[in-house]
Amino acid sequence: MAMTETDVLERAEQTALAGIWAPAVTAYDETLAPDAGMLVEQVRRLLATGCHGVGLFGTTGEGTSLTVDERIALVEAVLAAGVAPDRLMVGTGCAALSDTVRLTTAVVALGCKRSLMLPPFYYKDVSDEGLYASFAEVIERVGDARLEIILYHFPRLSCVPITHPVVERLTRAYPETIVGIKDSSGDLDSTAGFVEAFPDLAVFAGTEALLLDALTRGGAGSITASANVNAPAIRSVYDAWAAGRDAAPLQAQITAHRKALQSRPMIPMLKHILAEELSQSAWRRVRPPLVSLPQESGDSARADLSAAGFAFAAA
């Protein structure tokens, strides 16, 4: 049964974990070292333009291309710039158990209690027992009651799906620690299935194309890459739904934007737009194996976005 707006908003007030969250892109200098200053600017921009919170080092932030030390240093820089830790969600899932534990321990100690956690992603076809053990070992070894984990289900890239039995077992064993799921399957049935099976968890759609459908089924909102360049429009859907207004026309608009954005490689596409809108060519840099978007591809993408009604910021 679909939850009402009041039901979801009451849950959001209790958990402070809902709405539109942007997995921030990561900036690099000319040596491809992370540029903390540019990242801080992007985080501030996202919070100022409608995001309820910002994720660091998710897929869009090229998290798996960053070392543990780099991620810790960037979190320190963002916090030193005055960003409140409760507005952040830090990607801490690594292939190695010890790396996940060290990174998670460090960011929680810095005050960032929310961890967006990938499963260990190198070995494929792992059992539910092995997957449960991986998350459980992290929780036990971190040993900090403040830790809150949002499980990151992205089977297309990780190739390690987080199954319902694993989530059920984790929530039974660690009910105060497992607080949410980001479902980046892109499949509404999958997102709705998590919401129905785990009504006490904050379930986020990984694309704004499913935002309104997810909200009406009891989802918490969306953690979406597109918010890096389209936060106000995406937030307008959430706000219209929360106020009981007809959000369908606004949803149709952001779905069209998303379709145009993902018609090219998503991370280079987002960085290309930021580079043009901010007149900062450095934003085009990505770490290998990703490659920057060629100018001609960016120009054609811009035309597609304009045709979809995308509102470009003035450079």
Protein backbone atom coordinates (compact mmCIF):
# COMPACT_ATOMS: atom_id res chain seq x y z
CA MET A 1 0.00 0.00 0.00
CA ALA A 2 1.31 3.46 -0.92
CA MET A 3 2.38 5.66 1.96
CA THR A 4 0.91 9.14 2.23
CA GLU A 5 2.99 12.28 2.05
CA THR A 6 2.44 12.73 5.80
CA ASP A 7 3.74 9.21 6.53
CA VAL A 8 6.94 9.75 4.60
CA LEU A 9 7.55 13.27 5.88
CA GLU A 10 7.09 12.09 9.47
CA ARG A 11 9.63 9.35 8.85
CA ALA A 12 11.98 11.88 7.25
CA GLU A 13 11.67 14.12 10.29
CA GLN A 14 12.55 11.21 12.55
CA THR A 15 15.52 10.02 10.50
CA ALA A 16 16.63 13.29 8.86
CA LEU A 17 17.43 11.03 5.91
CA ALA A 18 15.24 11.88 2.95
CA GLY A 19 14.91 14.17 -0.02
CA ILE A 20 17.30 14.97 -2.86
CA TRP A 21 20.94 14.08 -2.34
CA ALA A 22 23.65 14.75 -4.91
CA PRO A 23 26.65 12.43 -5.24
CA ALA A 24 29.14 15.21 -5.89
CA VAL A 25 31.60 14.97 -8.76
CA THR A 26 35.25 15.11 -7.70
CA ALA A 27 37.55 17.76 -9.16
CA TYR A 28 41.19 17.18 -10.13
CA ASP A 29 44.18 19.44 -10.68
CA GLU A 30 46.55 19.23 -13.65
CA THR A 31 48.36 16.27 -12.07
CA LEU A 32 45.04 14.45 -11.51
CA ALA A 33 45.32 14.91 -7.76
CA PRO A 34 41.99 15.72 -6.09
CA ASP A 35 41.29 19.45 -5.92
CA ALA A 36 39.79 20.02 -2.47
CA GLY A 37 38.95 23.66 -3.09
CA MET A 38 36.87 22.92 -6.17
CA LEU A 39 35.10 20.06 -4.39
CA VAL A 40 34.22 22.36 -1.49
CA GLU A 41 32.76 24.87 -3.96
CA GLN A 42 30.65 22.16 -5.58
CA VAL A 43 29.34 20.89 -2.24
CA ARG A 44 28.36 24.41 -1.23
CA ARG A 45 26.73 24.99 -4.62
CA LEU A 46 24.68 21.81 -4.33
CA LEU A 47 23.42 22.66 -0.85
CA ALA A 48 22.59 26.20 -1.94
CA THR A 49 20.62 25.10 -5.01
CA GLY A 50 18.23 22.66 -3.38
CA CYS A 51 19.95 19.46 -2.28
CA HIS A 52 19.03 18.17 1.16
CA GLY A 53 22.48 16.64 1.37
CA VAL A 54 25.57 15.68 -0.58
CA GLY A 55 27.27 12.36 -1.06
CA LEU A 56 31.03 12.17 -1.38
CA PHE A 57 32.92 9.46 -3.30
CA GLY A 58 30.00 7.60 -4.78
CA THR A 59 30.06 6.33 -8.35
CA THR A 60 29.65 9.87 -9.72
CA GLY A 61 32.43 11.09 -7.44
CA GLU A 62 34.77 8.41 -8.86
CA GLY A 63 35.09 7.00 -5.36
CA THR A 64 36.63 3.72 -6.44
CA SER A 65 39.38 5.70 -8.22
CA LEU A 66 40.37 7.46 -4.98
CA THR A 67 42.61 6.07 -2.27
CA VAL A 68 41.56 5.87 1.36
CA ASP A 69 43.96 8.67 2.29
CA GLU A 70 42.65 10.90 -0.51
CA ARG A 71 39.07 10.40 0.62
CA ILE A 72 39.88 11.15 4.25
CA ALA A 73 41.75 14.32 3.31
CA LEU A 74 38.86 15.53 1.17
CA VAL A 75 36.33 14.93 3.95
CA GLU A 76 38.56 16.92 6.28
CA ALA A 77 38.68 19.77 3.76
CA VAL A 78 34.91 19.86 3.29
CA LEU A 79 34.31 19.89 7.04
CA ALA A 80 37.00 22.53 7.58
CA ALA A 81 35.11 24.72 5.11
CA GLY A 82 32.14 24.72 7.47
CA VAL A 83 29.87 22.13 5.84
CA ALA A 84 27.78 20.42 8.51
CA PRO A 85 28.58 16.71 8.78
CA ASP A 86 24.90 15.78 8.92
CA ARG A 87 24.54 17.14 5.37
CA LEU A 88 27.07 14.60 4.12
CA MET A 89 26.98 10.92 3.18
CA VAL A 90 30.42 9.42 2.54
CA GLY A 91 31.12 6.51 0.21
CA THR A 92 33.31 4.12 2.19
CA GLY A 93 32.83 0.75 0.51
CA CYS A 94 36.13 -0.66 -0.82
CA ALA A 95 37.18 -3.98 -2.30
CA ALA A 96 39.41 -4.71 0.71
CA LEU A 97 37.81 -5.19 4.13
CA SER A 98 40.63 -3.39 5.94
CA ASP A 99 40.30 -0.35 3.66
CA THR A 100 36.56 -0.15 4.26
CA VAL A 101 37.10 -0.39 8.01
CA ARG A 102 39.86 2.25 8.09
CA LEU A 103 37.98 4.70 5.91
CA THR A 104 34.67 4.23 7.72
CA THR A 105 36.31 4.55 11.13
CA ALA A 106 38.07 7.75 10.07
CA VAL A 107 35.05 9.55 8.65
CA VAL A 108 32.80 8.63 11.57
CA ALA A 109 35.46 9.96 13.93
CA LEU A 110 35.33 13.20 11.93
CA GLY A 111 31.59 13.42 12.62
CA CYS A 112 30.23 12.02 9.35
CA LYS A 113 28.11 9.18 10.62
CA ARG A 114 26.41 8.28 7.34
CA SER A 115 28.25 5.81 5.13
CA LEU A 116 27.08 4.88 1.64
CA MET A 117 28.59 1.42 1.45
CA LEU A 118 29.19 -0.66 -1.65
CA PRO A 119 29.62 -4.39 -1.16
CA PRO A 120 33.16 -5.71 -1.80
CA PHE A 121 33.02 -5.71 -5.57
CA TYR A 122 35.88 -7.71 -7.05
CA TYR A 123 34.75 -11.28 -6.40
CA LYS A 124 31.52 -12.16 -8.18
CA ASP A 125 28.84 -14.75 -7.45
CA VAL A 126 29.50 -14.48 -3.72
CA SER A 127 27.03 -16.11 -1.36
CA ASP A 128 24.60 -14.26 0.88
CA GLU A 129 26.59 -15.62 3.79
CA GLY A 130 29.79 -14.04 2.50
CA LEU A 131 28.09 -10.74 1.76
CA TYR A 132 26.50 -10.59 5.20
CA ALA A 133 29.84 -11.42 6.81
CA SER A 134 31.52 -8.59 4.92
CA PHE A 135 29.13 -5.90 6.18
CA ALA A 136 28.98 -7.43 9.66
CA GLU A 137 32.77 -7.46 9.97
CA VAL A 138 32.91 -3.77 9.04
CA ILE A 139 30.29 -2.86 11.64
CA GLU A 140 31.94 -4.91 14.36
CA ARG A 141 35.45 -3.64 13.62
CA VAL A 142 34.44 0.01 13.38
CA GLY A 143 32.62 -0.47 16.68
CA ASP A 144 31.09 3.01 16.76
CA ALA A 145 27.43 3.40 17.73
CA ARG A 146 27.21 6.57 15.66
CA LEU A 147 27.73 4.71 12.38
CA GLU A 148 24.75 4.67 10.01
CA ILE A 149 25.02 2.63 6.82
CA ILE A 150 23.10 3.18 3.60
CA LEU A 151 23.58 -0.01 1.60
CA TYR A 152 24.57 0.72 -1.99
CA HIS A 153 22.84 -1.65 -4.41
CA PHE A 154 24.26 -1.08 -7.91
CA PRO A 155 24.32 -4.51 -9.55
CA ARG A 156 25.17 -3.24 -13.05
CA LEU A 157 28.55 -1.86 -11.93
CA SER A 158 29.40 -3.79 -8.77
CA CYS A 159 28.02 -7.07 -10.17
CA VAL A 160 27.38 -7.94 -6.52
CA PRO A 161 23.68 -7.45 -5.79
CA ILE A 162 22.59 -6.84 -2.20
CA THR A 163 19.74 -9.29 -1.79
CA HIS A 164 16.67 -9.04 0.40
CA PRO A 165 17.83 -11.89 2.66
CA VAL A 166 21.12 -10.06 3.31
CA VAL A 167 19.30 -6.82 4.12
CA GLU A 168 16.86 -8.64 6.38
CA ARG A 169 19.63 -10.35 8.30
CA LEU A 170 21.64 -7.13 8.65
CA THR A 171 18.66 -5.13 9.89
CA ARG A 172 17.90 -7.79 12.48
CA ALA A 173 21.47 -7.89 13.73
CA TYR A 174 22.20 -4.14 13.48
CA PRO A 175 18.87 -2.28 13.54
CA GLU A 176 20.44 1.01 14.63
CA THR A 177 23.22 0.87 12.05
CA ILE A 178 21.51 -0.15 8.81
CA VAL A 179 19.34 2.88 8.05
CA GLY A 180 18.85 2.96 4.30
CA ILE A 181 19.36 1.62 0.80
CA LYS A 182 20.35 3.37 -2.39
CA ASP A 183 18.88 1.32 -5.22
CA SER A 184 20.73 2.16 -8.42
CA SER A 185 19.22 -0.71 -10.38
CA GLY A 186 17.13 1.77 -12.36
CA ASP A 187 14.20 -0.60 -11.97
CA LEU A 188 11.06 0.68 -10.22
CA ASP A 189 10.01 -2.85 -9.23
CA SER A 190 13.33 -3.28 -7.44
CA THR A 191 13.02 0.04 -5.60
CA ALA A 192 9.39 -0.61 -4.69
CA GLY A 193 10.36 -4.09 -3.52
CA PHE A 194 12.92 -2.69 -1.09
CA VAL A 195 10.39 -0.14 0.19
CA GLU A 196 7.74 -2.78 0.76
CA ALA A 197 10.09 -5.29 2.36
CA PHE A 198 11.90 -2.77 4.57
CA PRO A 199 9.48 0.02 5.52
CA ASP A 200 11.71 1.22 8.35
CA LEU A 201 14.61 1.96 6.01
CA ALA A 202 15.11 5.09 3.93
CA VAL A 203 15.05 3.75 0.37
CA PHE A 204 16.43 6.09 -2.30
CA ALA A 205 16.04 5.73 -6.04
CA GLY A 206 19.37 6.07 -7.82
CA THR A 207 17.82 8.11 -10.62
CA GLU A 208 15.45 11.06 -10.51
CA ALA A 209 13.52 9.45 -13.36
CA LEU A 210 11.93 7.26 -10.67
CA LEU A 211 11.61 9.99 -8.03
CA LEU A 212 7.86 10.56 -8.01
CA ASP A 213 7.05 6.86 -8.39
CA ALA A 214 9.41 6.05 -5.51
CA LEU A 215 7.96 8.75 -3.26
CA THR A 216 4.37 7.65 -3.81
CA ARG A 217 5.34 4.12 -2.82
CA GLY A 218 7.03 5.25 0.38
CA GLY A 219 10.57 5.86 -0.80
CA ALA A 220 12.72 8.52 0.85
CA GLY A 221 13.75 10.39 -2.31
CA SER A 222 16.65 10.13 -4.74
CA ILE A 223 20.43 10.13 -4.58
CA THR A 224 21.09 11.13 -8.14
CA ALA A 225 24.08 12.15 -10.25
CA SER A 226 22.04 14.64 -12.26
CA ALA A 227 21.61 16.85 -9.22
CA ASN A 228 25.17 18.06 -9.84
CA VAL A 229 23.75 20.18 -12.67
CA ASN A 230 19.97 20.06 -12.22
CA ALA A 231 19.29 20.26 -8.47
CA PRO A 232 16.60 23.01 -8.52
CA ALA A 233 14.41 21.18 -11.05
CA ILE A 234 14.75 17.84 -9.23
CA ARG A 235 14.03 19.48 -5.87
CA SER A 236 10.88 21.05 -7.32
CA VAL A 237 9.40 17.59 -7.85
CA TYR A 238 10.06 16.62 -4.24
CA ASP A 239 8.63 19.87 -2.91
CA ALA A 240 5.52 19.67 -5.08
CA TRP A 241 4.86 16.12 -3.95
CA ALA A 242 5.45 17.02 -0.30
CA ALA A 243 3.00 19.92 -0.57
CA GLY A 244 0.34 17.72 -2.14
CA ARG A 245 0.51 19.46 -5.52
CA ASP A 246 0.49 17.75 -8.90
CA ALA A 247 4.15 16.89 -9.45
CA ALA A 248 3.65 14.84 -12.62
CA PRO A 249 4.46 17.63 -15.14
CA LEU A 250 7.63 18.50 -13.23
CA GLN A 251 8.56 14.81 -13.09
CA ALA A 252 8.12 14.49 -16.85
CA GLN A 253 10.50 17.41 -17.32
CA ILE A 254 13.32 16.04 -15.16
CA THR A 255 12.89 12.60 -16.74
CA ALA A 256 13.48 14.19 -20.15
CA HIS A 257 16.54 15.95 -18.76
CA ARG A 258 17.88 12.68 -17.37
CA LYS A 259 17.38 10.88 -20.67
CA ALA A 260 19.45 13.52 -22.44
CA LEU A 261 22.15 13.55 -19.75
CA GLN A 262 22.69 9.81 -19.76
CA SER A 263 22.83 9.58 -23.55
CA ARG A 264 26.58 10.24 -23.13
CA PRO A 265 28.99 8.87 -20.51
CA MET A 266 27.44 10.34 -17.39
CA ILE A 267 30.42 11.50 -15.32
CA PRO A 268 32.28 13.20 -18.19
CA MET A 269 28.96 14.69 -19.29
CA LEU A 270 28.26 16.27 -15.91
CA LYS A 271 31.80 17.62 -15.68
CA HIS A 272 31.56 19.06 -19.18
CA ILE A 273 28.42 20.97 -18.25
CA LEU A 274 30.01 22.29 -15.06
CA ALA A 275 33.11 23.37 -16.95
CA GLU A 276 31.01 25.40 -19.37
CA GLU A 277 28.59 26.83 -16.82
CA LEU A 278 31.32 27.83 -14.37
CA SER A 279 33.88 28.78 -17.03
CA GLN A 280 36.36 26.42 -15.33
CA SER A 281 37.91 24.05 -17.84
CA ALA A 282 39.51 22.09 -14.99
CA TRP A 283 36.14 20.51 -14.31
CA ARG A 284 36.51 18.45 -17.49
CA ARG A 285 39.24 16.32 -15.92
CA VAL A 286 38.45 12.73 -14.99
CA ARG A 287 40.77 10.01 -13.75
CA PRO A 288 41.59 7.15 -16.10
CA PRO A 289 40.13 4.82 -17.11
CA LEU A 290 37.43 7.45 -17.68
CA VAL A 291 38.04 9.95 -20.48
CA SER A 292 36.81 13.50 -20.88
CA LEU A 293 33.90 14.24 -23.18
CA PRO A 294 35.07 15.51 -26.61
CA GLN A 295 33.93 19.06 -27.34
CA GLU A 296 31.84 18.02 -30.34
CA SER A 297 30.00 15.46 -28.25
CA GLY A 298 29.43 18.06 -25.57
CA ASP A 299 28.05 20.50 -28.13
CA SER A 300 25.57 17.95 -29.47
CA ALA A 301 24.59 17.01 -25.93
CA ARG A 302 23.95 20.63 -25.12
CA ALA A 303 21.59 20.83 -28.09
CA ASP A 304 19.75 17.72 -26.89
CA LEU A 305 19.43 19.15 -23.38
CA SER A 306 18.15 22.47 -24.70
CA ALA A 307 15.54 20.61 -26.72
CA ALA A 308 14.49 18.81 -23.53
CA GLY A 309 13.98 22.15 -21.74
CA PHE A 310 17.09 21.98 -19.58
CA ALA A 311 17.87 25.33 -17.93
CA PHE A 312 21.58 26.07 -18.32
CA ALA A 313 23.13 28.40 -15.79
CA ALA A 314 24.72 31.56 -17.13
CA ALA A 315 28.47 31.21 -17.53
